[in-house]
Amino acid sequence: MNRRTAFTLLELLLSISLMAAIAAVVIPNITMMLGDQRLTRAAEQLQIEMTRLRLDAMRQGRVMMMDAAVDSSVLKTRPYFSMSDAVETTDTAGQQSSLMMGADQASVAAMPLPTAEEAEVTVELPDAVVIESVQVVSSARSLTIAQQTGDVVAAASPTGTSQSILFYPDGTTSTANVVVVLPEVGRISVRLRGITGDVTIGEMTTVEISP
């Protein structure tokens, strides 16, 4: 007599229960791992942007700025245009026009500097990752620039806009600490050292969930 190979209803229910128990353990772990990766990627993205801005400031010989708003997932970067930039552009155009006077040449027009909005670059952090806090140490240079750009007013406003993080042509930067957080997963601090411009990523810490 051959043994039957079909599952009984009881065996099927036991198999389903076992698979459900395994899924209950595995799926949250997978979700947590994916969340860890997103948070780590956000911190690395912030590190890359800070390093890029420092290099751009040194190459272009102008101050670069990074703006980050608390509870936002967006970073904004832009060059700092001073009044001397506009004066130098006008003087250069005037010299070119003087050299070409009397010659059968087309007139030279001064090329206007792009506005901060036109030169602004927006960087999106990974899904659900937001900026929890931004701390920037003020200095004489940063306060002068903040007064000219209106960042002093922005920093005092309740909108969550922080003081800009600055990157100078000499390779120095603002001293700053930016914390990115993924709710129910954790938070990571990204630290920028002003003297050297080095960017370091801290260890991930868990987020305490309020009862």
Protein backbone atom coordinates (compact mmCIF):
# COMPACT_ATOMS: atom_id res chain seq x y z
CA MET A 1 0.00 0.00 0.00
CA ASN A 2 1.44 3.34 -1.12
CA ARG A 3 1.73 6.23 1.36
CA ARG A 4 -0.24 9.29 0.34
CA THR A 5 1.82 12.32 -0.66
CA ALA A 6 -0.85 15.03 -0.41
CA PHE A 7 -0.92 17.58 2.43
CA THR A 8 -3.69 17.37 4.95
CA LEU A 9 -5.51 20.54 5.95
CA LEU A 10 -3.74 20.52 9.30
CA GLU A 11 -0.31 20.27 7.67
CA LEU A 12 -1.18 23.12 5.31
CA LEU A 13 -2.28 25.34 8.18
CA LEU A 14 0.91 24.54 10.09
CA SER A 15 3.01 25.44 7.04
CA ILE A 16 1.19 28.75 6.60
CA SER A 17 1.61 29.57 10.28
CA LEU A 18 5.33 28.80 10.10
CA MET A 19 5.81 31.02 7.04
CA ALA A 20 3.87 33.83 8.72
CA ALA A 21 6.07 33.58 11.81
CA ILE A 22 9.23 33.71 9.70
CA ALA A 23 7.91 36.70 7.74
CA ALA A 24 7.05 38.53 10.97
CA VAL A 25 10.70 38.29 11.99
CA VAL A 26 12.41 38.81 8.63
CA ILE A 27 10.35 41.64 7.08
CA PRO A 28 10.94 44.19 9.89
CA ASN A 29 14.66 43.42 9.76
CA ILE A 30 14.71 43.98 6.00
CA THR A 31 12.79 47.24 6.41
CA MET A 32 15.25 48.37 9.08
CA MET A 33 18.22 47.51 6.85
CA LEU A 34 16.75 49.51 3.97
CA GLY A 35 16.15 52.44 6.31
CA ASP A 36 19.73 52.25 7.56
CA GLN A 37 20.98 52.39 3.98
CA ARG A 38 18.86 55.45 3.16
CA LEU A 39 20.08 57.28 6.25
CA THR A 40 23.71 56.40 5.56
CA ARG A 41 23.30 57.47 1.94
CA ALA A 42 21.88 60.83 3.06
CA ALA A 43 24.86 61.45 5.34
CA GLU A 44 27.29 60.50 2.57
CA GLN A 45 25.42 62.74 0.13
CA LEU A 46 25.78 65.65 2.55
CA GLN A 47 29.49 64.89 2.95
CA ILE A 48 29.98 64.84 -0.83
CA GLU A 49 28.15 68.16 -1.31
CA MET A 50 30.20 69.85 1.40
CA THR A 51 33.45 68.57 -0.10
CA ARG A 52 32.36 69.69 -3.59
CA LEU A 53 31.45 73.18 -2.40
CA ARG A 54 34.81 73.58 -0.67
CA LEU A 55 36.64 72.58 -3.86
CA ASP A 56 34.43 74.88 -5.97
CA ALA A 57 35.18 77.80 -3.65
CA MET A 58 38.93 77.21 -3.98
CA ARG A 59 38.80 76.77 -7.77
CA GLN A 60 36.50 79.72 -8.49
CA GLY A 61 37.98 82.03 -5.87
CA ARG A 62 34.59 82.91 -4.41
CA VAL A 63 32.56 82.02 -1.33
CA MET A 64 30.10 79.14 -1.74
CA MET A 65 27.04 78.74 0.46
CA MET A 66 24.88 75.83 1.63
CA ASP A 67 21.40 76.38 3.03
CA ALA A 68 19.53 73.70 4.97
CA ALA A 69 16.10 74.09 6.56
CA VAL A 70 15.09 72.04 9.58
CA ASP A 71 12.36 69.43 8.92
CA SER A 72 13.15 69.61 5.21
CA SER A 73 14.70 67.05 2.88
CA VAL A 74 16.21 69.68 0.58
CA LEU A 75 19.66 71.28 0.52
CA LYS A 76 20.33 74.42 -1.51
CA THR A 77 23.78 75.50 -2.67
CA ARG A 78 24.74 78.80 -4.28
CA PRO A 79 27.72 81.09 -4.83
CA TYR A 80 27.99 84.33 -2.90
CA PHE A 81 27.98 87.38 -5.20
CA SER A 82 29.38 90.51 -3.56
CA MET A 83 29.11 94.09 -4.79
CA SER A 84 32.77 93.94 -5.84
CA ASP A 85 31.88 91.20 -8.34
CA ALA A 86 29.47 93.53 -10.15
CA VAL A 87 32.00 96.40 -10.08
CA GLU A 88 34.76 94.20 -11.51
CA THR A 89 32.45 92.98 -14.27
CA THR A 90 31.48 96.55 -15.20
CA ASP A 91 35.13 97.71 -15.17
CA THR A 92 36.19 94.83 -17.41
CA ALA A 93 33.43 95.56 -19.89
CA GLY A 94 34.36 99.25 -19.90
CA GLN A 95 38.00 98.52 -20.62
CA GLN A 96 37.03 96.26 -23.51
CA SER A 97 34.74 98.94 -24.94
CA SER A 98 37.52 101.57 -24.72
CA LEU A 99 39.96 99.36 -26.59
CA MET A 100 37.47 98.80 -29.38
CA MET A 101 36.45 102.45 -29.84
CA GLY A 102 37.19 103.74 -33.34
CA ALA A 103 37.45 100.25 -34.76
CA ASP A 104 34.88 98.68 -36.99
CA GLN A 105 33.83 96.17 -34.34
CA ALA A 106 30.53 95.21 -32.79
CA SER A 107 29.74 96.91 -29.50
CA VAL A 108 30.57 95.05 -26.33
CA ALA A 109 27.83 94.70 -23.72
CA ALA A 110 28.47 93.90 -20.09
CA MET A 111 27.33 90.41 -19.20
CA PRO A 112 25.25 90.60 -16.02
CA LEU A 113 26.13 88.33 -13.15
CA PRO A 114 23.62 85.55 -12.53
CA THR A 115 21.39 86.10 -9.54
CA ALA A 116 21.61 83.84 -6.50
CA GLU A 117 18.35 82.20 -7.58
CA GLU A 118 19.69 81.46 -11.07
CA ALA A 119 22.91 79.95 -9.72
CA GLU A 120 21.15 77.99 -6.97
CA VAL A 121 21.35 74.20 -7.02
CA THR A 122 18.81 72.05 -5.16
CA VAL A 123 19.84 68.69 -3.72
CA GLU A 124 17.21 66.17 -2.59
CA LEU A 125 17.96 63.77 0.26
CA PRO A 126 16.74 60.15 0.05
CA ASP A 127 13.05 59.48 0.65
CA ALA A 128 11.76 60.20 4.19
CA VAL A 129 15.15 61.46 5.43
CA VAL A 130 14.93 65.00 6.83
CA ILE A 131 17.26 67.52 8.43
CA GLU A 132 16.75 67.46 12.18
CA SER A 133 19.09 70.27 13.20
CA VAL A 134 21.72 72.63 11.81
CA GLN A 135 24.30 74.30 14.04
CA VAL A 136 26.68 76.86 12.53
CA VAL A 137 29.37 78.67 14.52
CA SER A 138 29.34 82.38 13.68
CA SER A 139 32.50 84.32 12.84
CA ALA A 140 33.30 87.88 11.79
CA ARG A 141 33.40 86.85 8.12
CA SER A 142 30.17 84.90 8.27
CA LEU A 143 28.31 87.71 10.06
CA THR A 144 29.42 90.21 7.40
CA ILE A 145 28.15 87.96 4.61
CA ALA A 146 24.96 87.17 6.54
CA GLN A 147 24.17 90.88 6.87
CA GLN A 148 24.62 91.39 3.13
CA THR A 149 22.53 88.36 2.15
CA GLY A 150 19.84 88.74 4.81
CA ASP A 151 20.68 85.45 6.52
CA VAL A 152 20.68 87.15 9.93
CA VAL A 153 16.98 87.86 9.51
CA ALA A 154 16.35 84.37 8.14
CA ALA A 155 18.09 82.70 11.06
CA ALA A 156 15.92 84.58 13.53
CA SER A 157 12.69 83.70 11.73
CA PRO A 158 10.42 80.83 12.87
CA THR A 159 10.46 79.17 9.44
CA GLY A 160 13.28 76.79 10.34
CA THR A 161 15.77 78.39 7.97
CA SER A 162 19.25 78.27 9.47
CA GLN A 163 22.32 80.41 8.95
CA SER A 164 24.14 79.47 5.76
CA ILE A 165 27.17 77.18 5.89
CA LEU A 166 30.03 78.99 4.14
CA PHE A 167 32.99 77.67 2.14
CA TYR A 168 35.83 80.15 1.57
CA PRO A 169 38.38 80.38 -1.29
CA ASP A 170 41.28 79.80 1.13
CA GLY A 171 39.98 76.30 1.94
CA THR A 172 38.49 77.14 5.32
CA THR A 173 34.78 76.77 6.03
CA SER A 174 32.17 77.41 8.64
CA THR A 175 32.29 75.10 11.63
CA ALA A 176 28.98 73.30 11.44
CA ASN A 177 27.07 70.22 12.54
CA VAL A 178 24.12 68.91 10.52
CA VAL A 179 21.96 66.07 11.83
CA VAL A 180 19.88 64.01 9.40
CA VAL A 181 17.17 61.74 10.76
CA LEU A 182 14.93 58.97 9.47
CA PRO A 183 11.98 58.55 11.85
CA GLU A 184 11.80 55.17 13.63
CA VAL A 185 15.27 54.28 12.29
CA GLY A 186 17.94 56.66 13.58
CA ARG A 187 19.94 59.84 13.12
CA ILE A 188 23.46 60.66 11.92
CA SER A 189 25.56 63.77 12.52
CA VAL A 190 27.71 65.25 9.76
CA ARG A 191 30.41 67.55 11.13
CA LEU A 192 32.30 70.20 9.17
CA ARG A 193 35.53 71.50 10.72
CA GLY A 194 36.13 75.13 9.82
CA ILE A 195 39.94 75.29 10.01
CA THR A 196 40.64 72.32 7.75
CA GLY A 197 37.34 71.92 5.91
CA ASP A 198 37.27 68.22 6.80
CA VAL A 199 33.86 66.52 6.79
CA THR A 200 33.25 63.57 9.10
CA ILE A 201 30.22 61.31 9.51
CA GLY A 202 29.29 60.20 13.01
CA GLU A 203 27.85 56.89 14.13
CA MET A 204 24.15 56.25 13.68
CA THR A 205 22.11 56.51 16.86
CA THR A 206 18.59 55.22 17.39
CA VAL A 207 15.58 57.49 17.59
CA GLU A 208 13.64 57.32 20.83
CA ILE A 209 9.94 56.91 20.09
CA SER A 210 7.64 58.71 22.50
CA PRO A 211 4.96 56.48 24.06
